[in-house]
Amino acid sequence: MTSETTILDFQISNMFEQYESHMNAEEQQSMFKEMGVKAFYIGKSLDDPQRATLIFQRPENVLSDIFMNPETKPIVEAKGIFMRGQK
């Protein structure tokens, strides 16, 4: 299985601290492990409290499967994640 490193820069609908708490929760971390995410970093924008950056390694196509799939996209957006761009 091929692994990719991804950097995401995106808007969140809540404040960074709330989002960070959610992302670091045991349930969320468990989901990442199940998805094959090997490294995880969440960073706060110094200019915008409703913007975050994620860096992680994952199996190929996991990101597009989650963010673009019509079944999971509404769930992701309901959690406050709105893609601004992907590098």
N, C-alpha and C. Protein backbone atom coordinates (compact mmCIF):
# COMPACT_ATOMS: atom_id res chain seq x y z
N MET A 1 0.85 -1.18 0.00
CA MET A 1 0.00 0.00 0.00
C MET A 1 0.89 1.24 0.00
N THR A 2 0.60 2.18 -0.88
CA THR A 2 1.35 3.42 -0.99
C THR A 2 0.85 4.43 0.02
N SER A 3 1.80 5.13 0.64
CA SER A 3 1.45 6.15 1.63
C SER A 3 1.76 7.53 1.06
N GLU A 4 0.92 8.50 1.39
CA GLU A 4 1.11 9.88 0.95
C GLU A 4 1.16 10.79 2.17
N THR A 5 1.94 11.87 2.07
CA THR A 5 1.93 12.90 3.09
C THR A 5 1.07 14.04 2.56
N THR A 6 0.14 14.48 3.38
CA THR A 6 -0.81 15.50 2.97
C THR A 6 -0.76 16.70 3.90
N ILE A 7 -0.85 17.89 3.33
CA ILE A 7 -0.95 19.13 4.09
C ILE A 7 -2.27 19.77 3.69
N LEU A 8 -3.14 19.99 4.67
CA LEU A 8 -4.43 20.62 4.42
C LEU A 8 -4.49 21.95 5.14
N ASP A 9 -5.00 22.96 4.46
CA ASP A 9 -5.24 24.28 5.04
C ASP A 9 -6.72 24.55 4.82
N PHE A 10 -7.49 24.72 5.90
CA PHE A 10 -8.93 24.82 5.74
C PHE A 10 -9.59 25.68 6.80
N GLN A 11 -10.80 26.13 6.49
CA GLN A 11 -11.63 26.89 7.42
C GLN A 11 -12.39 25.92 8.30
N ILE A 12 -12.62 26.27 9.55
CA ILE A 12 -13.46 25.51 10.46
C ILE A 12 -14.60 26.41 10.89
N SER A 13 -15.71 25.81 11.27
CA SER A 13 -16.87 26.62 11.63
C SER A 13 -16.88 27.01 13.10
N ASN A 14 -15.99 26.40 13.89
CA ASN A 14 -15.91 26.74 15.31
C ASN A 14 -14.52 27.31 15.60
N MET A 15 -14.24 27.61 16.84
CA MET A 15 -12.92 28.15 17.19
C MET A 15 -11.89 27.02 17.18
N PHE A 16 -10.64 27.37 16.94
CA PHE A 16 -9.58 26.38 16.82
C PHE A 16 -9.50 25.47 18.05
N GLU A 17 -9.60 26.02 19.23
CA GLU A 17 -9.45 25.23 20.45
C GLU A 17 -10.50 24.13 20.52
N GLN A 18 -11.73 24.44 20.10
CA GLN A 18 -12.80 23.43 20.08
C GLN A 18 -12.48 22.35 19.05
N TYR A 19 -12.02 22.78 17.90
CA TYR A 19 -11.68 21.83 16.84
C TYR A 19 -10.51 20.94 17.26
N GLU A 20 -9.49 21.55 17.84
CA GLU A 20 -8.32 20.79 18.29
C GLU A 20 -8.71 19.75 19.33
N SER A 21 -9.57 20.12 20.25
CA SER A 21 -10.04 19.20 21.27
C SER A 21 -10.77 18.01 20.63
N HIS A 22 -11.61 18.30 19.66
CA HIS A 22 -12.33 17.24 18.96
C HIS A 22 -11.35 16.31 18.22
N MET A 23 -10.39 16.89 17.53
CA MET A 23 -9.45 16.10 16.74
C MET A 23 -8.54 15.25 17.62
N ASN A 24 -8.23 15.69 18.82
CA ASN A 24 -7.36 14.94 19.72
C ASN A 24 -8.11 13.96 20.62
N ALA A 25 -9.43 13.95 20.53
CA ALA A 25 -10.24 13.04 21.34
C ALA A 25 -9.91 11.59 20.99
N GLU A 26 -10.04 10.73 21.97
CA GLU A 26 -9.70 9.31 21.80
C GLU A 26 -10.47 8.69 20.63
N GLU A 27 -11.75 9.00 20.52
CA GLU A 27 -12.58 8.44 19.44
C GLU A 27 -12.06 8.84 18.06
N GLN A 28 -11.69 10.11 17.92
CA GLN A 28 -11.18 10.61 16.64
C GLN A 28 -9.83 9.99 16.33
N GLN A 29 -8.95 9.91 17.33
CA GLN A 29 -7.64 9.31 17.12
C GLN A 29 -7.76 7.83 16.75
N SER A 30 -8.73 7.17 17.33
CA SER A 30 -9.00 5.77 17.01
C SER A 30 -9.41 5.62 15.54
N MET A 31 -10.25 6.55 15.08
CA MET A 31 -10.68 6.53 13.69
C MET A 31 -9.48 6.73 12.75
N PHE A 32 -8.59 7.67 13.10
CA PHE A 32 -7.39 7.90 12.28
C PHE A 32 -6.56 6.62 12.19
N LYS A 33 -6.37 5.96 13.31
CA LYS A 33 -5.58 4.73 13.34
C LYS A 33 -6.22 3.68 12.44
N GLU A 34 -7.54 3.55 12.52
CA GLU A 34 -8.28 2.61 11.68
C GLU A 34 -8.12 2.93 10.20
N MET A 35 -8.05 4.22 9.87
CA MET A 35 -7.89 4.66 8.48
C MET A 35 -6.47 4.49 7.98
N GLY A 36 -5.53 4.22 8.87
CA GLY A 36 -4.14 4.06 8.47
C GLY A 36 -3.32 5.33 8.52
N VAL A 37 -3.81 6.35 9.22
CA VAL A 37 -3.06 7.60 9.37
C VAL A 37 -1.87 7.33 10.28
N LYS A 38 -0.65 7.65 9.80
CA LYS A 38 0.56 7.32 10.55
C LYS A 38 1.17 8.49 11.30
N ALA A 39 0.94 9.68 10.84
CA ALA A 39 1.47 10.87 11.52
C ALA A 39 0.38 11.93 11.50
N PHE A 40 0.32 12.71 12.57
CA PHE A 40 -0.77 13.67 12.64
C PHE A 40 -0.28 14.94 13.33
N TYR A 41 -0.56 16.07 12.73
CA TYR A 41 -0.22 17.37 13.32
C TYR A 41 -1.36 18.33 13.00
N ILE A 42 -1.78 19.09 13.99
CA ILE A 42 -2.79 20.12 13.76
C ILE A 42 -2.22 21.45 14.21
N GLY A 43 -2.27 22.44 13.33
CA GLY A 43 -1.71 23.75 13.64
C GLY A 43 -2.73 24.85 13.53
N LYS A 44 -2.57 25.85 14.34
CA LYS A 44 -3.47 27.00 14.41
C LYS A 44 -2.93 28.14 13.57
N SER A 45 -3.80 28.79 12.84
CA SER A 45 -3.42 29.99 12.10
C SER A 45 -3.22 31.13 13.09
N LEU A 46 -2.16 31.88 12.94
CA LEU A 46 -1.92 33.02 13.81
C LEU A 46 -2.82 34.20 13.47
N ASP A 47 -3.34 34.21 12.23
CA ASP A 47 -4.15 35.33 11.76
C ASP A 47 -5.66 35.09 11.81
N ASP A 48 -6.06 33.81 11.86
CA ASP A 48 -7.48 33.49 11.76
C ASP A 48 -7.82 32.35 12.72
N PRO A 49 -8.57 32.60 13.80
CA PRO A 49 -8.89 31.56 14.77
C PRO A 49 -9.83 30.49 14.23
N GLN A 50 -10.34 30.68 13.02
CA GLN A 50 -11.20 29.68 12.42
C GLN A 50 -10.54 29.05 11.19
N ARG A 51 -9.23 28.89 11.28
CA ARG A 51 -8.46 28.27 10.21
C ARG A 51 -7.46 27.31 10.84
N ALA A 52 -7.28 26.15 10.22
CA ALA A 52 -6.37 25.15 10.76
C ALA A 52 -5.54 24.53 9.63
N THR A 53 -4.42 23.95 10.00
CA THR A 53 -3.58 23.21 9.07
C THR A 53 -3.35 21.82 9.65
N LEU A 54 -3.53 20.80 8.83
CA LEU A 54 -3.27 19.43 9.22
C LEU A 54 -2.16 18.87 8.36
N ILE A 55 -1.27 18.09 8.96
CA ILE A 55 -0.24 17.37 8.22
C ILE A 55 -0.31 15.92 8.69
N PHE A 56 -0.44 15.00 7.73
CA PHE A 56 -0.48 13.59 8.11
C PHE A 56 -0.07 12.69 6.95
N GLN A 57 0.31 11.46 7.31
CA GLN A 57 0.61 10.44 6.32
C GLN A 57 -0.55 9.46 6.34
N ARG A 58 -0.91 9.03 5.16
CA ARG A 58 -2.08 8.17 5.04
C ARG A 58 -1.97 7.33 3.78
N PRO A 59 -2.76 6.25 3.72
CA PRO A 59 -2.80 5.48 2.48
C PRO A 59 -3.38 6.33 1.34
N GLU A 60 -2.98 6.02 0.14
CA GLU A 60 -3.47 6.74 -1.04
C GLU A 60 -4.99 6.76 -1.10
N ASN A 61 -5.55 7.87 -1.51
CA ASN A 61 -6.98 8.07 -1.77
C ASN A 61 -7.87 8.12 -0.53
N VAL A 62 -7.34 7.98 0.68
CA VAL A 62 -8.17 8.06 1.88
C VAL A 62 -8.80 9.45 1.96
N LEU A 63 -8.02 10.48 1.71
CA LEU A 63 -8.53 11.85 1.80
C LEU A 63 -9.67 12.11 0.82
N SER A 64 -9.46 11.78 -0.44
CA SER A 64 -10.52 12.04 -1.42
C SER A 64 -11.74 11.20 -1.12
N ASP A 65 -11.54 9.99 -0.63
CA ASP A 65 -12.68 9.14 -0.27
C ASP A 65 -13.52 9.79 0.82
N ILE A 66 -12.89 10.44 1.79
CA ILE A 66 -13.61 11.04 2.90
C ILE A 66 -14.22 12.39 2.53
N PHE A 67 -13.43 13.27 1.91
CA PHE A 67 -13.87 14.63 1.64
C PHE A 67 -14.73 14.78 0.39
N MET A 68 -14.65 13.85 -0.53
CA MET A 68 -15.38 14.00 -1.79
C MET A 68 -16.55 13.03 -1.91
N ASN A 69 -16.60 12.00 -1.11
CA ASN A 69 -17.67 11.02 -1.17
C ASN A 69 -18.98 11.68 -0.74
N PRO A 70 -20.03 11.59 -1.55
CA PRO A 70 -21.31 12.24 -1.22
C PRO A 70 -21.90 11.76 0.11
N GLU A 71 -21.52 10.56 0.55
CA GLU A 71 -22.03 10.04 1.82
C GLU A 71 -21.29 10.60 3.03
N THR A 72 -19.98 10.83 2.91
CA THR A 72 -19.20 11.30 4.06
C THR A 72 -18.95 12.80 4.07
N LYS A 73 -19.02 13.45 2.92
CA LYS A 73 -18.77 14.90 2.85
C LYS A 73 -19.68 15.69 3.79
N PRO A 74 -21.01 15.42 3.84
CA PRO A 74 -21.87 16.17 4.77
C PRO A 74 -21.49 15.95 6.24
N ILE A 75 -21.00 14.76 6.57
CA ILE A 75 -20.58 14.46 7.95
C ILE A 75 -19.35 15.29 8.30
N VAL A 76 -18.39 15.32 7.38
CA VAL A 76 -17.16 16.10 7.59
C VAL A 76 -17.51 17.58 7.76
N GLU A 77 -18.35 18.10 6.89
CA GLU A 77 -18.72 19.51 6.96
C GLU A 77 -19.53 19.82 8.23
N ALA A 78 -20.34 18.88 8.68
CA ALA A 78 -21.10 19.07 9.91
C ALA A 78 -20.20 19.17 11.12
N LYS A 79 -18.99 18.59 11.03
CA LYS A 79 -18.03 18.67 12.12
C LYS A 79 -17.22 19.97 12.06
N GLY A 80 -17.51 20.81 11.09
CA GLY A 80 -16.87 22.12 11.03
C GLY A 80 -15.68 22.21 10.12
N ILE A 81 -15.53 21.29 9.18
CA ILE A 81 -14.39 21.32 8.28
C ILE A 81 -14.86 21.77 6.90
N PHE A 82 -14.28 22.85 6.42
CA PHE A 82 -14.59 23.35 5.10
C PHE A 82 -13.28 23.53 4.35
N MET A 83 -13.07 22.74 3.32
CA MET A 83 -11.80 22.75 2.60
C MET A 83 -11.58 24.09 1.92
N ARG A 84 -10.41 24.62 2.10
CA ARG A 84 -10.01 25.86 1.46
C ARG A 84 -9.03 25.58 0.34
N GLY A 85 -8.25 24.56 0.51
CA GLY A 85 -7.27 24.17 -0.48
C GLY A 85 -6.48 22.98 0.01
N GLN A 86 -5.87 22.29 -0.90
CA GLN A 86 -5.03 21.15 -0.54
C GLN A 86 -3.70 21.30 -1.24
N LYS A 87 -2.64 21.02 -0.50
CA LYS A 87 -1.30 21.13 -1.07
C LYS A 87 -0.74 19.75 -1.27
